[in-house]
C-alpha atoms as a PDB file:
ATOM      1  CA  UNK A   1      13.206   0.728  -5.981  1.00  0.00           C
ATOM      2  CA  UNK A   2      14.050   1.238  -2.307  1.00  0.00           C
ATOM      3  CA  UNK A   3      12.291  -0.664   0.481  1.00  0.00           C
ATOM      4  CA  UNK A   4      12.410   0.264   4.156  1.00  0.00           C
ATOM      5  CA  UNK A   5      10.762   0.716   7.527  1.00  0.00           C
ATOM      6  CA  UNK A   6       9.411   3.674   9.480  1.00  0.00           C
ATOM      7  CA  UNK A   7       8.385   3.889  13.127  1.00  0.00           C
ATOM      8  CA  UNK A   8       7.105   6.422  15.638  1.00  0.00           C
ATOM      9  CA  UNK A   9       8.631   4.386  18.497  1.00  0.00           C
ATOM     10  CA  UNK A  10       5.183   3.807  19.990  1.00  0.00           C
ATOM     11  CA  UNK A  11       4.603   3.118  23.703  1.00  0.00           C
ATOM     12  CA  UNK A  12       0.895   2.329  23.843  1.00  0.00           C
ATOM     13  CA  UNK A  13      -0.561  -0.233  26.278  1.00  0.00           C
ATOM     14  CA  UNK A  14      -0.233  -3.889  25.315  1.00  0.00           C
ATOM     15  CA  UNK A  15      -3.700  -4.984  24.188  1.00  0.00           C
ATOM     16  CA  UNK A  16      -3.375  -8.321  26.000  1.00  0.00           C
ATOM     17  CA  UNK A  17      -1.726  -7.360  29.298  1.00  0.00           C
ATOM     18  CA  UNK A  18      -2.549  -3.666  29.601  1.00  0.00           C
ATOM     19  CA  UNK A  19       1.080  -2.961  30.441  1.00  0.00           C
ATOM     20  CA  UNK A  20       2.999  -0.127  28.789  1.00  0.00           C
ATOM     21  CA  UNK A  21       6.637  -0.533  27.847  1.00  0.00           C
ATOM     22  CA  UNK A  22       8.985   2.191  29.091  1.00  0.00           C
ATOM     23  CA  UNK A  23      10.294   4.798  26.689  1.00  0.00           C
ATOM     24  CA  UNK A  24      13.848   3.628  27.396  1.00  0.00           C
ATOM     25  CA  UNK A  25      13.135  -0.009  26.580  1.00  0.00           C
ATOM     26  CA  UNK A  26      11.252   0.808  23.396  1.00  0.00           C
ATOM     27  CA  UNK A  27      14.044   3.090  22.172  1.00  0.00           C
ATOM     28  CA  UNK A  28      16.562   0.266  22.689  1.00  0.00           C
ATOM     29  CA  UNK A  29      14.261  -2.089  20.779  1.00  0.00           C
ATOM     30  CA  UNK A  30      14.118   0.294  17.839  1.00  0.00           C
ATOM     31  CA  UNK A  31      17.908   0.413  17.658  1.00  0.00           C
ATOM     32  CA  UNK A  32      17.835  -3.394  17.398  1.00  0.00           C
ATOM     33  CA  UNK A  33      15.207  -3.125  14.654  1.00  0.00           C
ATOM     34  CA  UNK A  34      17.394  -0.734  12.656  1.00  0.00           C
ATOM     35  CA  UNK A  35      20.382  -3.074  12.956  1.00  0.00           C
ATOM     36  CA  UNK A  36      18.268  -6.022  11.759  1.00  0.00           C
ATOM     37  CA  UNK A  37      16.875  -3.980   8.850  1.00  0.00           C
ATOM     38  CA  UNK A  38      20.452  -3.337   7.732  1.00  0.00           C
ATOM     39  CA  UNK A  39      21.382  -7.003   8.069  1.00  0.00           C
ATOM     40  CA  UNK A  40      18.461  -8.225   5.928  1.00  0.00           C
ATOM     41  CA  UNK A  41      19.231  -5.773   3.127  1.00  0.00           C
ATOM     42  CA  UNK A  42      16.620  -3.048   3.557  1.00  0.00           C
ATOM     43  CA  UNK A  43      17.475   0.345   2.116  1.00  0.00           C
ATOM     44  CA  UNK A  44      16.184   2.860   4.644  1.00  0.00           C
ATOM     45  CA  UNK A  45      14.882   3.210   8.199  1.00  0.00           C
ATOM     46  CA  UNK A  46      12.906   6.254   9.351  1.00  0.00           C
ATOM     47  CA  UNK A  47      12.109   7.463  12.871  1.00  0.00           C
ATOM     48  CA  UNK A  48       9.347  10.017  13.393  1.00  0.00           C
ATOM     49  CA  UNK A  49       9.525  12.935  15.827  1.00  0.00           C
ATOM     50  CA  UNK A  50       6.743  13.300  18.423  1.00  0.00           C
ATOM     51  CA  UNK A  51       6.327  14.999  21.787  1.00  0.00           C
ATOM     52  CA  UNK A  52       3.651  12.973  23.540  1.00  0.00           C
ATOM     53  CA  UNK A  53       3.528  10.091  26.007  1.00  0.00           C
ATOM     54  CA  UNK A  54       2.559   7.378  23.533  1.00  0.00           C
ATOM     55  CA  UNK A  55       5.588   7.928  21.253  1.00  0.00           C
ATOM     56  CA  UNK A  56       9.139   7.797  22.611  1.00  0.00           C
ATOM     57  CA  UNK A  57      11.111   9.510  19.827  1.00  0.00           C
ATOM     58  CA  UNK A  58      11.377  13.237  20.509  1.00  0.00           C
ATOM     59  CA  UNK A  59      14.844  13.303  18.895  1.00  0.00           C
ATOM     60  CA  UNK A  60      15.122  10.910  15.930  1.00  0.00           C
ATOM     61  CA  UNK A  61      18.720  11.922  15.170  1.00  0.00           C
ATOM     62  CA  UNK A  62      19.926  10.571  18.513  1.00  0.00           C
ATOM     63  CA  UNK A  63      18.181   7.212  18.029  1.00  0.00           C
ATOM     64  CA  UNK A  64      19.453   6.938  14.463  1.00  0.00           C
ATOM     65  CA  UNK A  65      22.974   7.814  15.614  1.00  0.00           C
ATOM     66  CA  UNK A  66      22.853   4.979  18.145  1.00  0.00           C
ATOM     67  CA  UNK A  67      22.240   2.592  15.232  1.00  0.00           C
ATOM     68  CA  UNK A  68      24.593   4.290  12.779  1.00  0.00           C
ATOM     69  CA  UNK A  69      27.791   2.807  14.229  1.00  0.00           C
ATOM     70  CA  UNK A  70      26.215  -0.678  14.241  1.00  0.00           C
ATOM     71  CA  UNK A  71      25.066  -0.593  10.607  1.00  0.00           C
ATOM     72  CA  UNK A  72      26.887  -0.500   7.298  1.00  0.00           C
ATOM     73  CA  UNK A  73      24.577   0.310   4.404  1.00  0.00           C
ATOM     74  CA  UNK A  74      21.063   1.321   5.421  1.00  0.00           C
ATOM     75  CA  UNK A  75      20.047   4.958   5.037  1.00  0.00           C
ATOM     76  CA  UNK A  76      18.875   6.684   8.232  1.00  0.00           C
ATOM     77  CA  UNK A  77      16.173   9.332   8.109  1.00  0.00           C
ATOM     78  CA  UNK A  78      13.695  11.233  10.209  1.00  0.00           C
ATOM     79  CA  UNK A  79      10.079  10.464   9.344  1.00  0.00           C
ATOM     80  CA  UNK A  80       9.398  13.316   9.863  1.00  0.00           C
ATOM     81  CA  UNK A  81      11.287  16.143  11.545  1.00  0.00           C
ATOM     82  CA  UNK A  82       8.682  18.675  12.716  1.00  0.00           C
ATOM     83  CA  UNK A  83      10.605  21.554  11.207  1.00  0.00           C
ATOM     84  CA  UNK A  84       7.976  24.189  12.035  1.00  0.00           C
ATOM     85  CA  UNK A  85       8.689  23.952  15.777  1.00  0.00           C
ATOM     86  CA  UNK A  86      12.412  23.265  15.584  1.00  0.00           C
ATOM     87  CA  UNK A  87      15.504  25.346  14.882  1.00  0.00           C
ATOM     88  CA  UNK A  88      16.845  24.633  11.378  1.00  0.00           C
ATOM     89  CA  UNK A  89      20.395  25.310  12.550  1.00  0.00           C
ATOM     90  CA  UNK A  90      20.179  22.579  15.184  1.00  0.00           C
ATOM     91  CA  UNK A  91      18.351  20.222  12.808  1.00  0.00           C
ATOM     92  CA  UNK A  92      21.135  20.586  10.254  1.00  0.00           C
ATOM     93  CA  UNK A  93      23.846  20.129  12.891  1.00  0.00           C
ATOM     94  CA  UNK A  94      22.202  17.008  14.319  1.00  0.00           C
ATOM     95  CA  UNK A  95      21.803  15.344  10.939  1.00  0.00           C
ATOM     96  CA  UNK A  96      25.236  16.440   9.724  1.00  0.00           C
ATOM     97  CA  UNK A  97      26.594  14.723  12.836  1.00  0.00           C
ATOM     98  CA  UNK A  98      24.537  11.618  12.030  1.00  0.00           C
ATOM     99  CA  UNK A  99      25.926  11.815   8.494  1.00  0.00           C
ATOM    100  CA  UNK A 100      29.453  11.772   9.884  1.00  0.00           C
ATOM    101  CA  UNK A 101      28.816   8.811  12.190  1.00  0.00           C
ATOM    102  CA  UNK A 102      27.132   6.830   9.389  1.00  0.00           C
ATOM    103  CA  UNK A 103      29.638   7.985   6.740  1.00  0.00           C
ATOM    104  CA  UNK A 104      27.069   9.589   4.467  1.00  0.00           C
ATOM    105  CA  UNK A 105      23.776   7.779   5.153  1.00  0.00           C
ATOM    106  CA  UNK A 106      21.694  10.507   6.849  1.00  0.00           C
ATOM    107  CA  UNK A 107      18.556  12.142   5.490  1.00  0.00           C
ATOM    108  CA  UNK A 108      16.060  14.698   6.766  1.00  0.00           C
ATOM    109  CA  UNK A 109      12.349  14.360   6.041  1.00  0.00           C
ATOM    110  CA  UNK A 110      10.915  17.771   6.838  1.00  0.00           C
ATOM    111  CA  UNK A 111       7.228  18.230   7.588  1.00  0.00           C
ATOM    112  CA  UNK A 112       4.722  20.296   9.498  1.00  0.00           C
ATOM    113  CA  UNK A 113       3.711  17.295  11.586  1.00  0.00           C
ATOM    114  CA  UNK A 114       0.180  16.005  12.051  1.00  0.00           C
ATOM    115  CA  UNK A 115       0.490  16.295  15.847  1.00  0.00           C
ATOM    116  CA  UNK A 116       0.702  19.747  17.417  1.00  0.00           C
ATOM    117  CA  UNK A 117       2.162  19.090  20.896  1.00  0.00           C
ATOM    118  CA  UNK A 118       5.557  20.529  19.936  1.00  0.00           C
ATOM    119  CA  UNK A 119       4.146  24.003  19.176  1.00  0.00           C
ATOM    120  CA  UNK A 120       3.149  25.026  22.717  1.00  0.00           C
ATOM    121  CA  UNK A 121       6.079  23.033  24.126  1.00  0.00           C
ATOM    122  CA  UNK A 122       8.581  25.201  22.264  1.00  0.00           C
ATOM    123  CA  UNK A 123       6.597  28.423  22.418  1.00  0.00           C
ATOM    124  CA  UNK A 124       5.156  28.649  18.902  1.00  0.00           C
ATOM    125  CA  UNK A 125       1.715  29.898  17.886  1.00  0.00           C
ATOM    126  CA  UNK A 126      -0.406  27.516  15.825  1.00  0.00           C
ATOM    127  CA  UNK A 127      -1.732  30.511  13.902  1.00  0.00           C
ATOM    128  CA  UNK A 128       1.736  30.636  12.329  1.00  0.00           C
ATOM    129  CA  UNK A 129       1.609  26.948  11.352  1.00  0.00           C
ATOM    130  CA  UNK A 130       2.174  27.378   7.610  1.00  0.00           C
ATOM    131  CA  UNK A 131       4.386  30.451   7.794  1.00  0.00           C
ATOM    132  CA  UNK A 132       6.726  28.755  10.271  1.00  0.00           C
ATOM    133  CA  UNK A 133       7.315  25.824   7.952  1.00  0.00           C
ATOM    134  CA  UNK A 134       7.951  27.971   4.885  1.00  0.00           C
ATOM    135  CA  UNK A 135      10.400  30.201   6.711  1.00  0.00           C
ATOM    136  CA  UNK A 136      12.295  27.417   8.434  1.00  0.00           C
ATOM    137  CA  UNK A 137      12.537  25.293   5.304  1.00  0.00           C
ATOM    138  CA  UNK A 138      14.063  28.292   3.539  1.00  0.00           C
ATOM    139  CA  UNK A 139      16.699  28.614   6.266  1.00  0.00           C
ATOM    140  CA  UNK A 140      17.436  24.872   6.316  1.00  0.00           C
ATOM    141  CA  UNK A 141      18.030  24.849   2.572  1.00  0.00           C
ATOM    142  CA  UNK A 142      20.297  27.897   2.785  1.00  0.00           C
ATOM    143  CA  UNK A 143      22.377  26.205   5.483  1.00  0.00           C
ATOM    144  CA  UNK A 144      22.559  23.088   3.320  1.00  0.00           C
ATOM    145  CA  UNK A 145      23.757  25.134   0.349  1.00  0.00           C
ATOM    146  CA  UNK A 146      26.364  27.298   2.034  1.00  0.00           C
ATOM    147  CA  UNK A 147      28.772  26.991   4.954  1.00  0.00           C
ATOM    148  CA  UNK A 148      28.362  30.675   5.790  1.00  0.00           C
ATOM    149  CA  UNK A 149      24.790  31.924   6.097  1.00  0.00           C
ATOM    150  CA  UNK A 150      23.154  35.336   6.049  1.00  0.00           C
ATOM    151  CA  UNK A 151      19.419  35.102   6.670  1.00  0.00           C
ATOM    152  CA  UNK A 152      16.535  37.016   8.221  1.00  0.00           C
ATOM    153  CA  UNK A 153      12.945  36.013   8.997  1.00  0.00           C
ATOM    154  CA  UNK A 154      10.044  36.708  11.370  1.00  0.00           C
ATOM    155  CA  UNK A 155      10.198  33.759  13.737  1.00  0.00           C
ATOM    156  CA  UNK A 156      13.900  33.365  14.476  1.00  0.00           C
ATOM    157  CA  UNK A 157      16.766  35.782  15.173  1.00  0.00           C
ATOM    158  CA  UNK A 158      18.676  36.795  12.059  1.00  0.00           C
ATOM    159  CA  UNK A 159      21.973  35.176  11.074  1.00  0.00           C
ATOM    160  CA  UNK A 160      24.678  37.416   9.632  1.00  0.00           C
ATOM    161  CA  UNK A 161      27.526  35.681   7.814  1.00  0.00           C
ATOM    162  CA  UNK A 162      27.935  32.902  10.361  1.00  0.00           C
ATOM    163  CA  UNK A 163      29.190  29.375   9.748  1.00  0.00           C
ATOM    164  CA  UNK A 164      27.119  26.286  10.588  1.00  0.00           C
ATOM    165  CA  UNK A 165      29.109  23.188  11.530  1.00  0.00           C
ATOM    166  CA  UNK A 166      29.812  20.331  11.172  1.00  0.00           C
ATOM    167  CA  UNK A 167      29.388  20.036   7.448  1.00  0.00           C
ATOM    168  CA  UNK A 168      27.962  16.712   6.271  1.00  0.00           C
ATOM    169  CA  UNK A 169      29.698  13.973   4.315  1.00  0.00           C
ATOM    170  CA  UNK A 170      27.003  14.221   1.634  1.00  0.00           C
ATOM    171  CA  UNK A 171      26.881  17.385  -0.423  1.00  0.00           C
ATOM    172  CA  UNK A 172      24.104  18.224  -0.352  1.00  0.00           C
ATOM    173  CA  UNK A 173      22.611  16.532   2.707  1.00  0.00           C
ATOM    174  CA  UNK A 174      19.330  15.003   1.445  1.00  0.00           C
ATOM    175  CA  UNK A 175      16.202  16.884   2.489  1.00  0.00           C
ATOM    176  CA  UNK A 176      12.796  15.387   1.686  1.00  0.00           C
ATOM    177  CA  UNK A 177       9.392  17.041   1.964  1.00  0.00           C
ATOM    178  CA  UNK A 178       6.788  15.030   3.852  1.00  0.00           C
ATOM    179  CA  UNK A 179       3.150  15.419   2.835  1.00  0.00           C
ATOM    180  CA  UNK A 180      -0.150  13.916   3.838  1.00  0.00           C
ATOM    181  CA  UNK A 181      -1.530  14.690   0.382  1.00  0.00           C
ATOM    182  CA  UNK A 182      -1.790  18.474   0.438  1.00  0.00           C
ATOM    183  CA  UNK A 183      -1.409  19.773  -3.142  1.00  0.00           C
ATOM    184  CA  UNK A 184       0.437  22.875  -1.921  1.00  0.00           C
ATOM    185  CA  UNK A 185       3.135  20.814  -0.231  1.00  0.00           C
ATOM    186  CA  UNK A 186       3.474  18.618  -3.309  1.00  0.00           C
ATOM    187  CA  UNK A 187       3.918  21.670  -5.554  1.00  0.00           C
ATOM    188  CA  UNK A 188       6.429  23.157  -3.089  1.00  0.00           C
ATOM    189  CA  UNK A 189       8.542  20.005  -3.188  1.00  0.00           C
ATOM    190  CA  UNK A 190       8.483  19.918  -6.978  1.00  0.00           C
ATOM    191  CA  UNK A 191       9.282  23.608  -7.341  1.00  0.00           C
ATOM    192  CA  UNK A 192      12.259  23.240  -5.005  1.00  0.00           C
ATOM    193  CA  UNK A 193      13.406  20.061  -6.729  1.00  0.00           C
ATOM    194  CA  UNK A 194      13.254  18.100  -3.467  1.00  0.00           C
ATOM    195  CA  UNK A 195      12.260  14.439  -3.086  1.00  0.00           C
ATOM    196  CA  UNK A 196       8.722  13.836  -1.832  1.00  0.00           C
ATOM    197  CA  UNK A 197       7.335  11.363   0.697  1.00  0.00           C
ATOM    198  CA  UNK A 198       3.574  10.797   0.836  1.00  0.00           C
ATOM    199  CA  UNK A 199       1.802   9.456   3.912  1.00  0.00           C
ATOM    200  CA  UNK A 200      -0.568   6.992   2.249  1.00  0.00           C
ATOM    201  CA  UNK A 201      -2.413   5.676   5.287  1.00  0.00           C
ATOM    202  CA  UNK A 202      -6.063   5.714   4.243  1.00  0.00           C
ATOM    203  CA  UNK A 203      -8.450   5.605   1.320  1.00  0.00           C
ATOM    204  CA  UNK A 204      -7.274   4.281  -2.029  1.00  0.00           C
ATOM    205  CA  UNK A 205      -3.532   4.671  -2.645  1.00  0.00           C
ATOM    206  CA  UNK A 206      -4.133   5.093  -6.385  1.00  0.00           C
ATOM    207  CA  UNK A 207      -5.825   8.412  -5.589  1.00  0.00           C
ATOM    208  CA  UNK A 208      -2.318   9.761  -4.938  1.00  0.00           C
ATOM    209  CA  UNK A 209      -1.292   9.294  -8.586  1.00  0.00           C
ATOM    210  CA  UNK A 210      -2.528  12.785  -9.614  1.00  0.00           C
ATOM    211  CA  UNK A 211      -0.476  14.299  -6.788  1.00  0.00           C
ATOM    212  CA  UNK A 212       2.648  12.609  -8.098  1.00  0.00           C
ATOM    213  CA  UNK A 213       1.905  14.005 -11.543  1.00  0.00           C
ATOM    214  CA  UNK A 214       1.341  17.462 -10.033  1.00  0.00           C
ATOM    215  CA  UNK A 215       4.677  17.153  -8.247  1.00  0.00           C
ATOM    216  CA  UNK A 216       6.507  16.260 -11.445  1.00  0.00           C
ATOM    217  CA  UNK A 217       4.751  19.022 -13.383  1.00  0.00           C
ATOM    218  CA  UNK A 218       5.791  21.613 -10.792  1.00  0.00           C
ATOM    219  CA  UNK A 219       9.353  20.308 -10.924  1.00  0.00           C
ATOM    220  CA  UNK A 220       9.488  20.530 -14.712  1.00  0.00           C
ATOM    221  CA  UNK A 221       8.059  24.051 -14.713  1.00  0.00           C
ATOM    222  CA  UNK A 222      10.760  25.098 -12.229  1.00  0.00           C
ATOM    223  CA  UNK A 223      13.509  23.717 -14.461  1.00  0.00           C
ATOM    224  CA  UNK A 224      14.154  20.427 -12.635  1.00  0.00           C
ATOM    225  CA  UNK A 225      14.333  17.053 -14.345  1.00  0.00           C
ATOM    226  CA  UNK A 226      11.306  15.173 -12.945  1.00  0.00           C
ATOM    227  CA  UNK A 227      12.839  11.834 -13.896  1.00  0.00           C
ATOM    228  CA  UNK A 228      15.651  12.416 -11.400  1.00  0.00           C
ATOM    229  CA  UNK A 229      13.298  13.107  -8.486  1.00  0.00           C
ATOM    230  CA  UNK A 230      12.230  10.399  -6.072  1.00  0.00           C
ATOM    231  CA  UNK A 231       8.811   9.761  -4.554  1.00  0.00           C
ATOM    232  CA  UNK A 232       8.308   7.682  -1.424  1.00  0.00           C
ATOM    233  CA  UNK A 233       5.250   6.314   0.316  1.00  0.00           C
ATOM    234  CA  UNK A 234       4.837   5.747   4.043  1.00  0.00           C
ATOM    235  CA  UNK A 235       2.110   3.185   4.721  1.00  0.00           C
ATOM    236  CA  UNK A 236       0.934   1.100   7.678  1.00  0.00           C
ATOM    237  CA  UNK A 237       1.472  -2.636   7.505  1.00  0.00           C
ATOM    238  CA  UNK A 238       2.690  -5.900   8.963  1.00  0.00           C
ATOM    239  CA  UNK A 239       4.044  -9.166   7.562  1.00  0.00           C
ATOM    240  CA  UNK A 240       3.849 -12.747   8.839  1.00  0.00           C
ATOM    241  CA  UNK A 241       4.301 -16.103   7.143  1.00  0.00           C
ATOM    242  CA  UNK A 242       0.515 -16.519   6.867  1.00  0.00           C
ATOM    243  CA  UNK A 243      -1.857 -13.862   5.523  1.00  0.00           C
ATOM    244  CA  UNK A 244      -4.563 -14.235   8.168  1.00  0.00           C
ATOM    245  CA  UNK A 245      -2.025 -14.666  10.943  1.00  0.00           C
ATOM    246  CA  UNK A 246      -0.587 -11.271   9.988  1.00  0.00           C
ATOM    247  CA  UNK A 247      -4.016  -9.638  10.064  1.00  0.00           C
ATOM    248  CA  UNK A 248      -4.995 -11.157  13.395  1.00  0.00           C
ATOM    249  CA  UNK A 249      -1.705 -10.093  14.981  1.00  0.00           C
ATOM    250  CA  UNK A 250      -1.751  -6.540  13.625  1.00  0.00           C
ATOM    251  CA  UNK A 251      -5.390  -5.578  14.076  1.00  0.00           C
ATOM    252  CA  UNK A 252      -5.803  -5.300  17.893  1.00  0.00           C
ATOM    253  CA  UNK A 253      -2.999  -2.812  18.555  1.00  0.00           C
ATOM    254  CA  UNK A 254      -3.803  -0.877  15.378  1.00  0.00           C
ATOM    255  CA  UNK A 255      -7.453  -0.590  16.396  1.00  0.00           C
ATOM    256  CA  UNK A 256      -6.434   0.663  19.843  1.00  0.00           C
ATOM    257  CA  UNK A 257      -4.355   3.488  18.385  1.00  0.00           C
ATOM    258  CA  UNK A 258      -6.765   4.412  15.605  1.00  0.00           C
ATOM    259  CA  UNK A 259      -9.684   4.712  18.017  1.00  0.00           C
ATOM    260  CA  UNK A 260      -7.621   6.698  20.518  1.00  0.00           C
ATOM    261  CA  UNK A 261      -6.619   9.149  17.799  1.00  0.00           C
ATOM    262  CA  UNK A 262     -10.180   9.057  16.480  1.00  0.00           C
ATOM    263  CA  UNK A 263     -11.488  10.396  19.770  1.00  0.00           C
ATOM    264  CA  UNK A 264      -8.957  13.236  19.612  1.00  0.00           C
ATOM    265  CA  UNK A 265      -9.762  14.118  16.011  1.00  0.00           C
ATOM    266  CA  UNK A 266     -13.429  13.237  15.629  1.00  0.00           C
ATOM    267  CA  UNK A 267     -13.023  10.176  13.438  1.00  0.00           C
ATOM    268  CA  UNK A 268     -15.563   7.379  13.346  1.00  0.00           C
ATOM    269  CA  UNK A 269     -15.044   4.037  15.061  1.00  0.00           C
ATOM    270  CA  UNK A 270     -12.322   1.863  13.527  1.00  0.00           C
ATOM    271  CA  UNK A 271     -13.440  -1.762  13.371  1.00  0.00           C
ATOM    272  CA  UNK A 272     -12.400  -5.029  11.757  1.00  0.00           C
ATOM    273  CA  UNK A 273     -14.529  -4.434   8.657  1.00  0.00           C
ATOM    274  CA  UNK A 274     -12.655  -1.212   7.848  1.00  0.00           C
ATOM    275  CA  UNK A 275      -9.361  -2.926   8.581  1.00  0.00           C
ATOM    276  CA  UNK A 276     -10.098  -5.872   6.301  1.00  0.00           C
ATOM    277  CA  UNK A 277     -11.299  -3.623   3.490  1.00  0.00           C
ATOM    278  CA  UNK A 278      -8.001  -1.730   3.617  1.00  0.00           C
ATOM    279  CA  UNK A 279      -6.116  -5.030   3.232  1.00  0.00           C
ATOM    280  CA  UNK A 280      -7.468  -5.463  -0.302  1.00  0.00           C
ATOM    281  CA  UNK A 281      -5.274  -4.774  -3.327  1.00  0.00           C
ATOM    282  CA  UNK A 282      -6.746  -1.280  -3.662  1.00  0.00           C
ATOM    283  CA  UNK A 283      -6.560  -0.481   0.078  1.00  0.00           C
ATOM    284  CA  UNK A 284      -3.938   1.366   2.099  1.00  0.00           C
ATOM    285  CA  UNK A 285      -2.936  -1.392   4.558  1.00  0.00           C
ATOM    286  CA  UNK A 286       0.040  -3.542   3.583  1.00  0.00           C
ATOM    287  CA  UNK A 287      -0.801  -6.490   5.823  1.00  0.00           C
ATOM    288  CA  UNK A 288      -0.366 -10.137   4.968  1.00  0.00           C
ATOM    289  CA  UNK A 289       2.112 -12.791   3.927  1.00  0.00           C
ATOM    290  CA  UNK A 290       5.195 -11.773   1.891  1.00  0.00           C
ATOM    291  CA  UNK A 291       3.573 -12.457  -1.495  1.00  0.00           C
ATOM    292  CA  UNK A 292       0.508 -10.356  -0.642  1.00  0.00           C
ATOM    293  CA  UNK A 293       2.550  -7.392   0.554  1.00  0.00           C
ATOM    294  CA  UNK A 294       4.945  -7.606  -2.396  1.00  0.00           C
ATOM    295  CA  UNK A 295       2.009  -7.637  -4.832  1.00  0.00           C
ATOM    296  CA  UNK A 296       0.564  -4.497  -3.244  1.00  0.00           C
ATOM    297  CA  UNK A 297       3.893  -2.635  -3.327  1.00  0.00           C
ATOM    298  CA  UNK A 298       4.375  -3.535  -7.001  1.00  0.00           C
ATOM    299  CA  UNK A 299       0.808  -2.354  -7.704  1.00  0.00           C
ATOM    300  CA  UNK A 300       1.588   0.969  -6.017  1.00  0.00           C
ATOM    301  CA  UNK A 301       4.800   1.335  -7.991  1.00  0.00           C
ATOM    302  CA  UNK A 302       3.099   0.664 -11.321  1.00  0.00           C
ATOM    303  CA  UNK A 303       0.096   2.907 -10.764  1.00  0.00           C
ATOM    304  CA  UNK A 304       1.353   5.760  -8.573  1.00  0.00           C
ATOM    305  CA  UNK A 305       5.022   5.923  -9.535  1.00  0.00           C
ATOM    306  CA  UNK A 306       6.740   5.639  -6.171  1.00  0.00           C
ATOM    307  CA  UNK A 307      10.459   4.845  -6.071  1.00  0.00           C
ATOM    308  CA  UNK A 308      10.702   4.160  -2.321  1.00  0.00           C
ATOM    309  CA  UNK A 309       8.282   2.249  -0.084  1.00  0.00           C
ATOM    310  CA  UNK A 310       8.419   2.523   3.718  1.00  0.00           C
ATOM    311  CA  UNK A 311       6.365   0.066   5.760  1.00  0.00           C
ATOM    312  CA  UNK A 312       5.260   1.680   9.022  1.00  0.00           C
ATOM    313  CA  UNK A 313       5.296  -1.047  11.636  1.00  0.00           C
ATOM    314  CA  UNK A 314       3.889  -1.271  14.219  1.00  0.00           C
ATOM    315  CA  UNK A 315       1.104   1.297  14.603  1.00  0.00           C
ATOM    316  CA  UNK A 316       0.441   0.396  18.239  1.00  0.00           C
ATOM    317  CA  UNK A 317       2.756  -1.494  20.577  1.00  0.00           C
ATOM    318  CA  UNK A 318       3.346  -5.112  19.543  1.00  0.00           C
ATOM    319  CA  UNK A 319       5.723  -7.757  20.889  1.00  0.00           C
ATOM    320  CA  UNK A 320       9.254  -6.937  19.801  1.00  0.00           C
ATOM    321  CA  UNK A 321       9.823 -10.394  18.337  1.00  0.00           C
ATOM    322  CA  UNK A 322       6.800  -9.984  16.035  1.00  0.00           C
ATOM    323  CA  UNK A 323       8.113  -6.659  14.742  1.00  0.00           C
ATOM    324  CA  UNK A 324      11.574  -8.151  14.206  1.00  0.00           C
ATOM    325  CA  UNK A 325      10.056 -11.047  12.239  1.00  0.00           C
ATOM    326  CA  UNK A 326       8.105  -8.620  10.045  1.00  0.00           C
ATOM    327  CA  UNK A 327      11.307  -6.694   9.313  1.00  0.00           C
ATOM    328  CA  UNK A 328      13.120  -9.927   8.473  1.00  0.00           C
ATOM    329  CA  UNK A 329      10.367 -10.989   6.055  1.00  0.00           C
ATOM    330  CA  UNK A 330      10.289  -7.568   4.404  1.00  0.00           C
ATOM    331  CA  UNK A 331      14.027  -7.720   3.766  1.00  0.00           C
ATOM    332  CA  UNK A 332      14.431 -11.364   2.809  1.00  0.00           C
ATOM    333  CA  UNK A 333      11.196 -12.163   0.971  1.00  0.00           C
ATOM    334  CA  UNK A 334       9.267  -9.033   0.016  1.00  0.00           C
ATOM    335  CA  UNK A 335      12.055  -6.696  -1.100  1.00  0.00           C
ATOM    336  CA  UNK A 336      13.766  -9.179  -3.487  1.00  0.00           C
ATOM    337  CA  UNK A 337      10.469  -9.956  -5.200  1.00  0.00           C
ATOM    338  CA  UNK A 338       9.578  -6.269  -5.573  1.00  0.00           C
ATOM    339  CA  UNK A 339      13.025  -5.347  -6.901  1.00  0.00           C
ATOM    340  CA  UNK A 340      12.994  -8.179  -9.431  1.00  0.00           C
ATOM    341  CA  UNK A 341       9.566  -7.156 -10.718  1.00  0.00           C
ATOM    342  CA  UNK A 342      10.399  -3.444 -10.840  1.00  0.00           C
ATOM    343  CA  UNK A 343      13.617  -4.055 -12.786  1.00  0.00           C
ATOM    344  CA  UNK A 344      11.474  -5.519 -15.552  1.00  0.00           C
ATOM    345  CA  UNK A 345       9.147  -2.506 -15.797  1.00  0.00           C
END
């Protein structure tokens, strides 16, 4: 059972002061967070790609590379790479370079992305949203499989027997499929025999259990051993020494972001009642003291079948020292308890 952190490198206004941290400062903070995660024994750290003012990470590979030379064991992944609006050749090269710097600890989580700013920025048509991902994933996997590539598609110039370098330390370089719960993406991952990461950020996490079964069924039907495939969850949360202290610290900035996104997407108002309901054992928020969060992760493992859990913290900008403390508690108190329990399953 792997335990880790994910972040979108948020730069939203501080709920108390109204001030917004600079992109540069927040990026440097995240590098410190990755180094701490490695020191406290966490397994993986993910950085998500976005192209908007309130998130500072437009190039996760660069941020992860900055931490790679300062860490020893932790795996370093995008969370996710918006493959549909990127060039698979450059994605592979960037993460192969990260793999070299980290000596074999890089991963790619490929997804369509729930934000669409990158499509007009890089000249892509949203009408091609699904087709772009399918085509570019195909190219990425061909590059991963072979040093020399011959490939042709609709949305990128053809490649005719050309080499793609550098080659990674890992063979093959891990490529995950990110999904918000779309059955088609789950089946795709299983059919291709690729590991799956589910964004479990709302509703009841146990509702994702049928998707995991669908994933494994698709894998088996395609000739892959489903027992060798890994399933991760990416879920919002925060940890403090005291359960209510954690909730009170995490709620204000989370509410700010959820209501901002809600206005963009037509969601209803996000209030404390919804927040507190999601903190229950059956809810999708992993917020509380170490014992509470560990219990919820173990519950998810037993009932959904995940093999990697990534705590997404913070959702909106929080004081750096609070985030660092949450990472420390996840590594020193939550992860050992979860691993000990899971070993006995």
